[in-house]
Amino acid sequence: MVTVLLAFAEFERSMIIERTQAGKAIAKTKEGFKDGRPAKYNEHQLKYAMKLLEDHSYTEVERMTTISKSTLIRYKRQQAEV
């Protein structure tokens, strides 16, 4: 009986994956589709935070802008690479 339930669960899981992939394929054909998670902060906000970092610490900038320290560090590293 357990084998039958496991087989049904596996079948249901594969159906969910199939439906999800079909939905993604349909969404990709529509105009304005963007893959992945949308950015929480725009370029202007991040540049403003970088300006603040010139005179303030990461903790102070984090408090002022509500942008996390890890996001600030990641953005600063990306800007150094470019």
N, C-alpha and C. Protein backbone atom coordinates (compact mmCIF):
# COMPACT_ATOMS: atom_id res chain seq x y z
N MET A 1 0.83 -1.20 0.00
CA MET A 1 0.00 0.00 0.00
C MET A 1 0.88 1.27 0.00
N VAL A 2 1.96 1.22 0.76
CA VAL A 2 2.87 2.36 0.81
C VAL A 2 3.49 2.60 -0.56
N THR A 3 3.81 1.53 -1.26
CA THR A 3 4.40 1.65 -2.60
C THR A 3 3.45 2.34 -3.55
N VAL A 4 2.18 2.01 -3.46
CA VAL A 4 1.17 2.63 -4.32
C VAL A 4 1.06 4.12 -4.00
N LEU A 5 1.06 4.48 -2.72
CA LEU A 5 0.98 5.89 -2.33
C LEU A 5 2.22 6.66 -2.80
N LEU A 6 3.38 6.05 -2.66
CA LEU A 6 4.61 6.71 -3.12
C LEU A 6 4.61 6.90 -4.64
N ALA A 7 4.12 5.92 -5.35
CA ALA A 7 4.04 6.02 -6.81
C ALA A 7 3.09 7.15 -7.21
N PHE A 8 1.97 7.26 -6.51
CA PHE A 8 1.01 8.32 -6.80
C PHE A 8 1.61 9.69 -6.49
N ALA A 9 2.34 9.79 -5.36
CA ALA A 9 2.97 11.05 -5.00
C ALA A 9 4.02 11.46 -6.03
N GLU A 10 4.78 10.51 -6.51
CA GLU A 10 5.79 10.78 -7.54
C GLU A 10 5.12 11.23 -8.84
N PHE A 11 4.03 10.59 -9.19
CA PHE A 11 3.28 10.97 -10.39
C PHE A 11 2.75 12.39 -10.26
N GLU A 12 2.19 12.71 -9.10
CA GLU A 12 1.63 14.06 -8.87
C GLU A 12 2.74 15.10 -8.94
N ARG A 13 3.89 14.79 -8.38
CA ARG A 13 5.02 15.71 -8.42
C ARG A 13 5.47 15.97 -9.86
N SER A 14 5.53 14.95 -10.66
CA SER A 14 5.93 15.13 -12.06
C SER A 14 4.88 15.94 -12.82
N MET A 15 3.61 15.79 -12.48
CA MET A 15 2.55 16.58 -13.12
C MET A 15 2.68 18.06 -12.74
N ILE A 16 3.02 18.34 -11.48
CA ILE A 16 3.21 19.72 -11.04
C ILE A 16 4.36 20.36 -11.81
N ILE A 17 5.46 19.64 -11.94
CA ILE A 17 6.62 20.16 -12.68
C ILE A 17 6.25 20.42 -14.13
N GLU A 18 5.53 19.51 -14.73
CA GLU A 18 5.11 19.67 -16.13
C GLU A 18 4.23 20.89 -16.31
N ARG A 19 3.27 21.08 -15.43
CA ARG A 19 2.38 22.25 -15.52
C ARG A 19 3.15 23.55 -15.28
N THR A 20 4.09 23.53 -14.35
CA THR A 20 4.90 24.72 -14.08
C THR A 20 5.73 25.11 -15.29
N GLN A 21 6.37 24.13 -15.91
CA GLN A 21 7.18 24.41 -17.10
C GLN A 21 6.33 24.91 -18.25
N ALA A 22 5.13 24.37 -18.39
CA ALA A 22 4.23 24.85 -19.44
C ALA A 22 3.84 26.30 -19.18
N GLY A 23 3.57 26.63 -17.93
CA GLY A 23 3.22 28.01 -17.57
C GLY A 23 4.36 28.97 -17.83
N LYS A 24 5.58 28.55 -17.53
CA LYS A 24 6.75 29.39 -17.79
C LYS A 24 6.93 29.62 -19.29
N ALA A 25 6.71 28.58 -20.08
CA ALA A 25 6.86 28.70 -21.53
C ALA A 25 5.84 29.69 -22.09
N ILE A 26 4.63 29.65 -21.58
CA ILE A 26 3.60 30.60 -22.02
C ILE A 26 3.97 32.01 -21.61
N ALA A 27 4.46 32.17 -20.37
CA ALA A 27 4.83 33.50 -19.88
C ALA A 27 5.97 34.10 -20.69
N LYS A 28 6.91 33.28 -21.13
CA LYS A 28 8.05 33.78 -21.90
C LYS A 28 7.65 34.33 -23.26
N THR A 29 6.51 33.88 -23.79
CA THR A 29 6.06 34.38 -25.08
C THR A 29 5.38 35.74 -24.97
N LYS A 30 4.99 36.12 -23.76
CA LYS A 30 4.29 37.40 -23.57
C LYS A 30 5.29 38.55 -23.47
N GLU A 31 4.84 39.72 -23.92
CA GLU A 31 5.68 40.90 -23.91
C GLU A 31 5.91 41.36 -22.47
N GLY A 32 7.11 41.80 -22.19
CA GLY A 32 7.44 42.33 -20.87
C GLY A 32 7.87 41.28 -19.86
N PHE A 33 8.08 40.05 -20.31
CA PHE A 33 8.48 38.97 -19.41
C PHE A 33 9.92 39.19 -18.95
N LYS A 34 10.13 39.07 -17.65
CA LYS A 34 11.48 39.15 -17.09
C LYS A 34 11.69 37.90 -16.26
N ASP A 35 12.78 37.22 -16.54
CA ASP A 35 13.09 35.99 -15.83
C ASP A 35 13.74 36.33 -14.49
N GLY A 36 13.42 35.62 -13.45
CA GLY A 36 14.03 35.81 -12.16
C GLY A 36 13.27 36.78 -11.28
N ARG A 37 13.84 37.00 -10.13
CA ARG A 37 13.22 37.86 -9.12
C ARG A 37 13.48 39.32 -9.45
N PRO A 38 12.48 40.19 -9.30
CA PRO A 38 12.70 41.61 -9.58
C PRO A 38 13.62 42.25 -8.53
N ALA A 39 14.38 43.24 -8.93
CA ALA A 39 15.29 43.92 -8.02
C ALA A 39 14.50 44.73 -7.00
N LYS A 40 14.94 44.69 -5.76
CA LYS A 40 14.25 45.41 -4.69
C LYS A 40 14.59 46.90 -4.70
N TYR A 41 15.83 47.20 -5.06
CA TYR A 41 16.28 48.59 -5.08
C TYR A 41 16.71 48.96 -6.50
N ASN A 42 16.38 50.19 -6.90
CA ASN A 42 16.76 50.62 -8.24
C ASN A 42 18.17 51.22 -8.22
N GLU A 43 18.68 51.52 -9.38
CA GLU A 43 20.05 52.02 -9.54
C GLU A 43 20.26 53.33 -8.78
N HIS A 44 19.26 54.20 -8.81
CA HIS A 44 19.37 55.50 -8.13
C HIS A 44 19.54 55.31 -6.62
N GLN A 45 18.77 54.43 -6.03
CA GLN A 45 18.85 54.18 -4.59
C GLN A 45 20.23 53.63 -4.21
N LEU A 46 20.74 52.72 -5.01
CA LEU A 46 22.03 52.12 -4.70
C LEU A 46 23.18 53.12 -4.88
N LYS A 47 23.09 53.97 -5.89
CA LYS A 47 24.13 54.99 -6.08
C LYS A 47 24.11 56.00 -4.94
N TYR A 48 22.91 56.35 -4.48
CA TYR A 48 22.77 57.26 -3.33
C TYR A 48 23.43 56.63 -2.09
N ALA A 49 23.21 55.36 -1.88
CA ALA A 49 23.80 54.66 -0.75
C ALA A 49 25.32 54.63 -0.86
N MET A 50 25.85 54.46 -2.08
CA MET A 50 27.29 54.47 -2.27
C MET A 50 27.89 55.84 -1.94
N LYS A 51 27.15 56.90 -2.29
CA LYS A 51 27.58 58.26 -1.94
C LYS A 51 27.64 58.41 -0.43
N LEU A 52 26.63 57.88 0.26
CA LEU A 52 26.60 57.97 1.72
C LEU A 52 27.75 57.20 2.35
N LEU A 53 28.18 56.13 1.72
CA LEU A 53 29.28 55.32 2.26
C LEU A 53 30.60 56.07 2.29
N GLU A 54 30.72 57.12 1.50
CA GLU A 54 31.95 57.90 1.51
C GLU A 54 32.17 58.57 2.86
N ASP A 55 31.08 58.95 3.53
CA ASP A 55 31.18 59.68 4.80
C ASP A 55 30.66 58.91 6.01
N HIS A 56 30.00 57.78 5.77
CA HIS A 56 29.37 57.03 6.86
C HIS A 56 29.77 55.56 6.80
N SER A 57 29.53 54.86 7.90
CA SER A 57 29.82 53.42 7.95
C SER A 57 28.68 52.64 7.31
N TYR A 58 28.94 51.35 7.07
CA TYR A 58 27.90 50.49 6.50
C TYR A 58 26.67 50.45 7.40
N THR A 59 26.88 50.38 8.70
CA THR A 59 25.76 50.30 9.64
C THR A 59 24.91 51.56 9.59
N GLU A 60 25.56 52.71 9.52
CA GLU A 60 24.83 53.98 9.45
C GLU A 60 24.04 54.08 8.15
N VAL A 61 24.66 53.70 7.04
CA VAL A 61 23.98 53.75 5.74
C VAL A 61 22.81 52.77 5.74
N GLU A 62 23.02 51.61 6.34
CA GLU A 62 21.94 50.62 6.42
C GLU A 62 20.75 51.19 7.18
N ARG A 63 21.01 51.89 8.27
CA ARG A 63 19.93 52.51 9.04
C ARG A 63 19.24 53.62 8.26
N MET A 64 20.01 54.40 7.52
CA MET A 64 19.44 55.54 6.78
C MET A 64 18.63 55.11 5.57
N THR A 65 19.09 54.06 4.87
CA THR A 65 18.46 53.70 3.60
C THR A 65 17.64 52.41 3.65
N THR A 66 17.77 51.64 4.71
CA THR A 66 17.14 50.32 4.87
C THR A 66 17.63 49.30 3.83
N ILE A 67 18.79 49.59 3.24
CA ILE A 67 19.42 48.63 2.33
C ILE A 67 20.42 47.84 3.17
N SER A 68 20.36 46.52 3.11
CA SER A 68 21.20 45.70 3.97
C SER A 68 22.68 45.86 3.64
N LYS A 69 23.49 45.56 4.64
CA LYS A 69 24.94 45.66 4.48
C LYS A 69 25.43 44.73 3.38
N SER A 70 24.89 43.52 3.32
CA SER A 70 25.32 42.57 2.31
C SER A 70 25.00 43.06 0.90
N THR A 71 23.86 43.72 0.74
CA THR A 71 23.50 44.28 -0.57
C THR A 71 24.45 45.40 -0.95
N LEU A 72 24.80 46.24 0.03
CA LEU A 72 25.73 47.33 -0.23
C LEU A 72 27.10 46.81 -0.64
N ILE A 73 27.58 45.79 0.08
CA ILE A 73 28.88 45.21 -0.23
C ILE A 73 28.86 44.57 -1.61
N ARG A 74 27.78 43.83 -1.93
CA ARG A 74 27.66 43.17 -3.23
C ARG A 74 27.65 44.19 -4.36
N TYR A 75 26.89 45.28 -4.19
CA TYR A 75 26.82 46.31 -5.23
C TYR A 75 28.17 47.00 -5.40
N LYS A 76 28.85 47.28 -4.28
CA LYS A 76 30.15 47.93 -4.36
C LYS A 76 31.15 47.05 -5.09
N ARG A 77 31.11 45.73 -4.83
CA ARG A 77 32.00 44.78 -5.49
C ARG A 77 31.70 44.74 -7.00
N GLN A 78 30.40 44.75 -7.35
CA GLN A 78 30.03 44.73 -8.76
C GLN A 78 30.51 45.98 -9.49
N GLN A 79 30.44 47.12 -8.82
CA GLN A 79 30.88 48.36 -9.44
C GLN A 79 32.39 48.39 -9.61
N ALA A 80 33.13 47.74 -8.73
CA ALA A 80 34.58 47.68 -8.85
C ALA A 80 35.00 46.79 -10.02
N GLU A 81 34.21 45.76 -10.32
CA GLU A 81 34.51 44.86 -11.42
C GLU A 81 34.26 45.50 -12.78
N VAL A 82 33.32 46.43 -12.83
CA VAL A 82 32.94 47.06 -14.11
C VAL A 82 33.88 48.12 -14.51
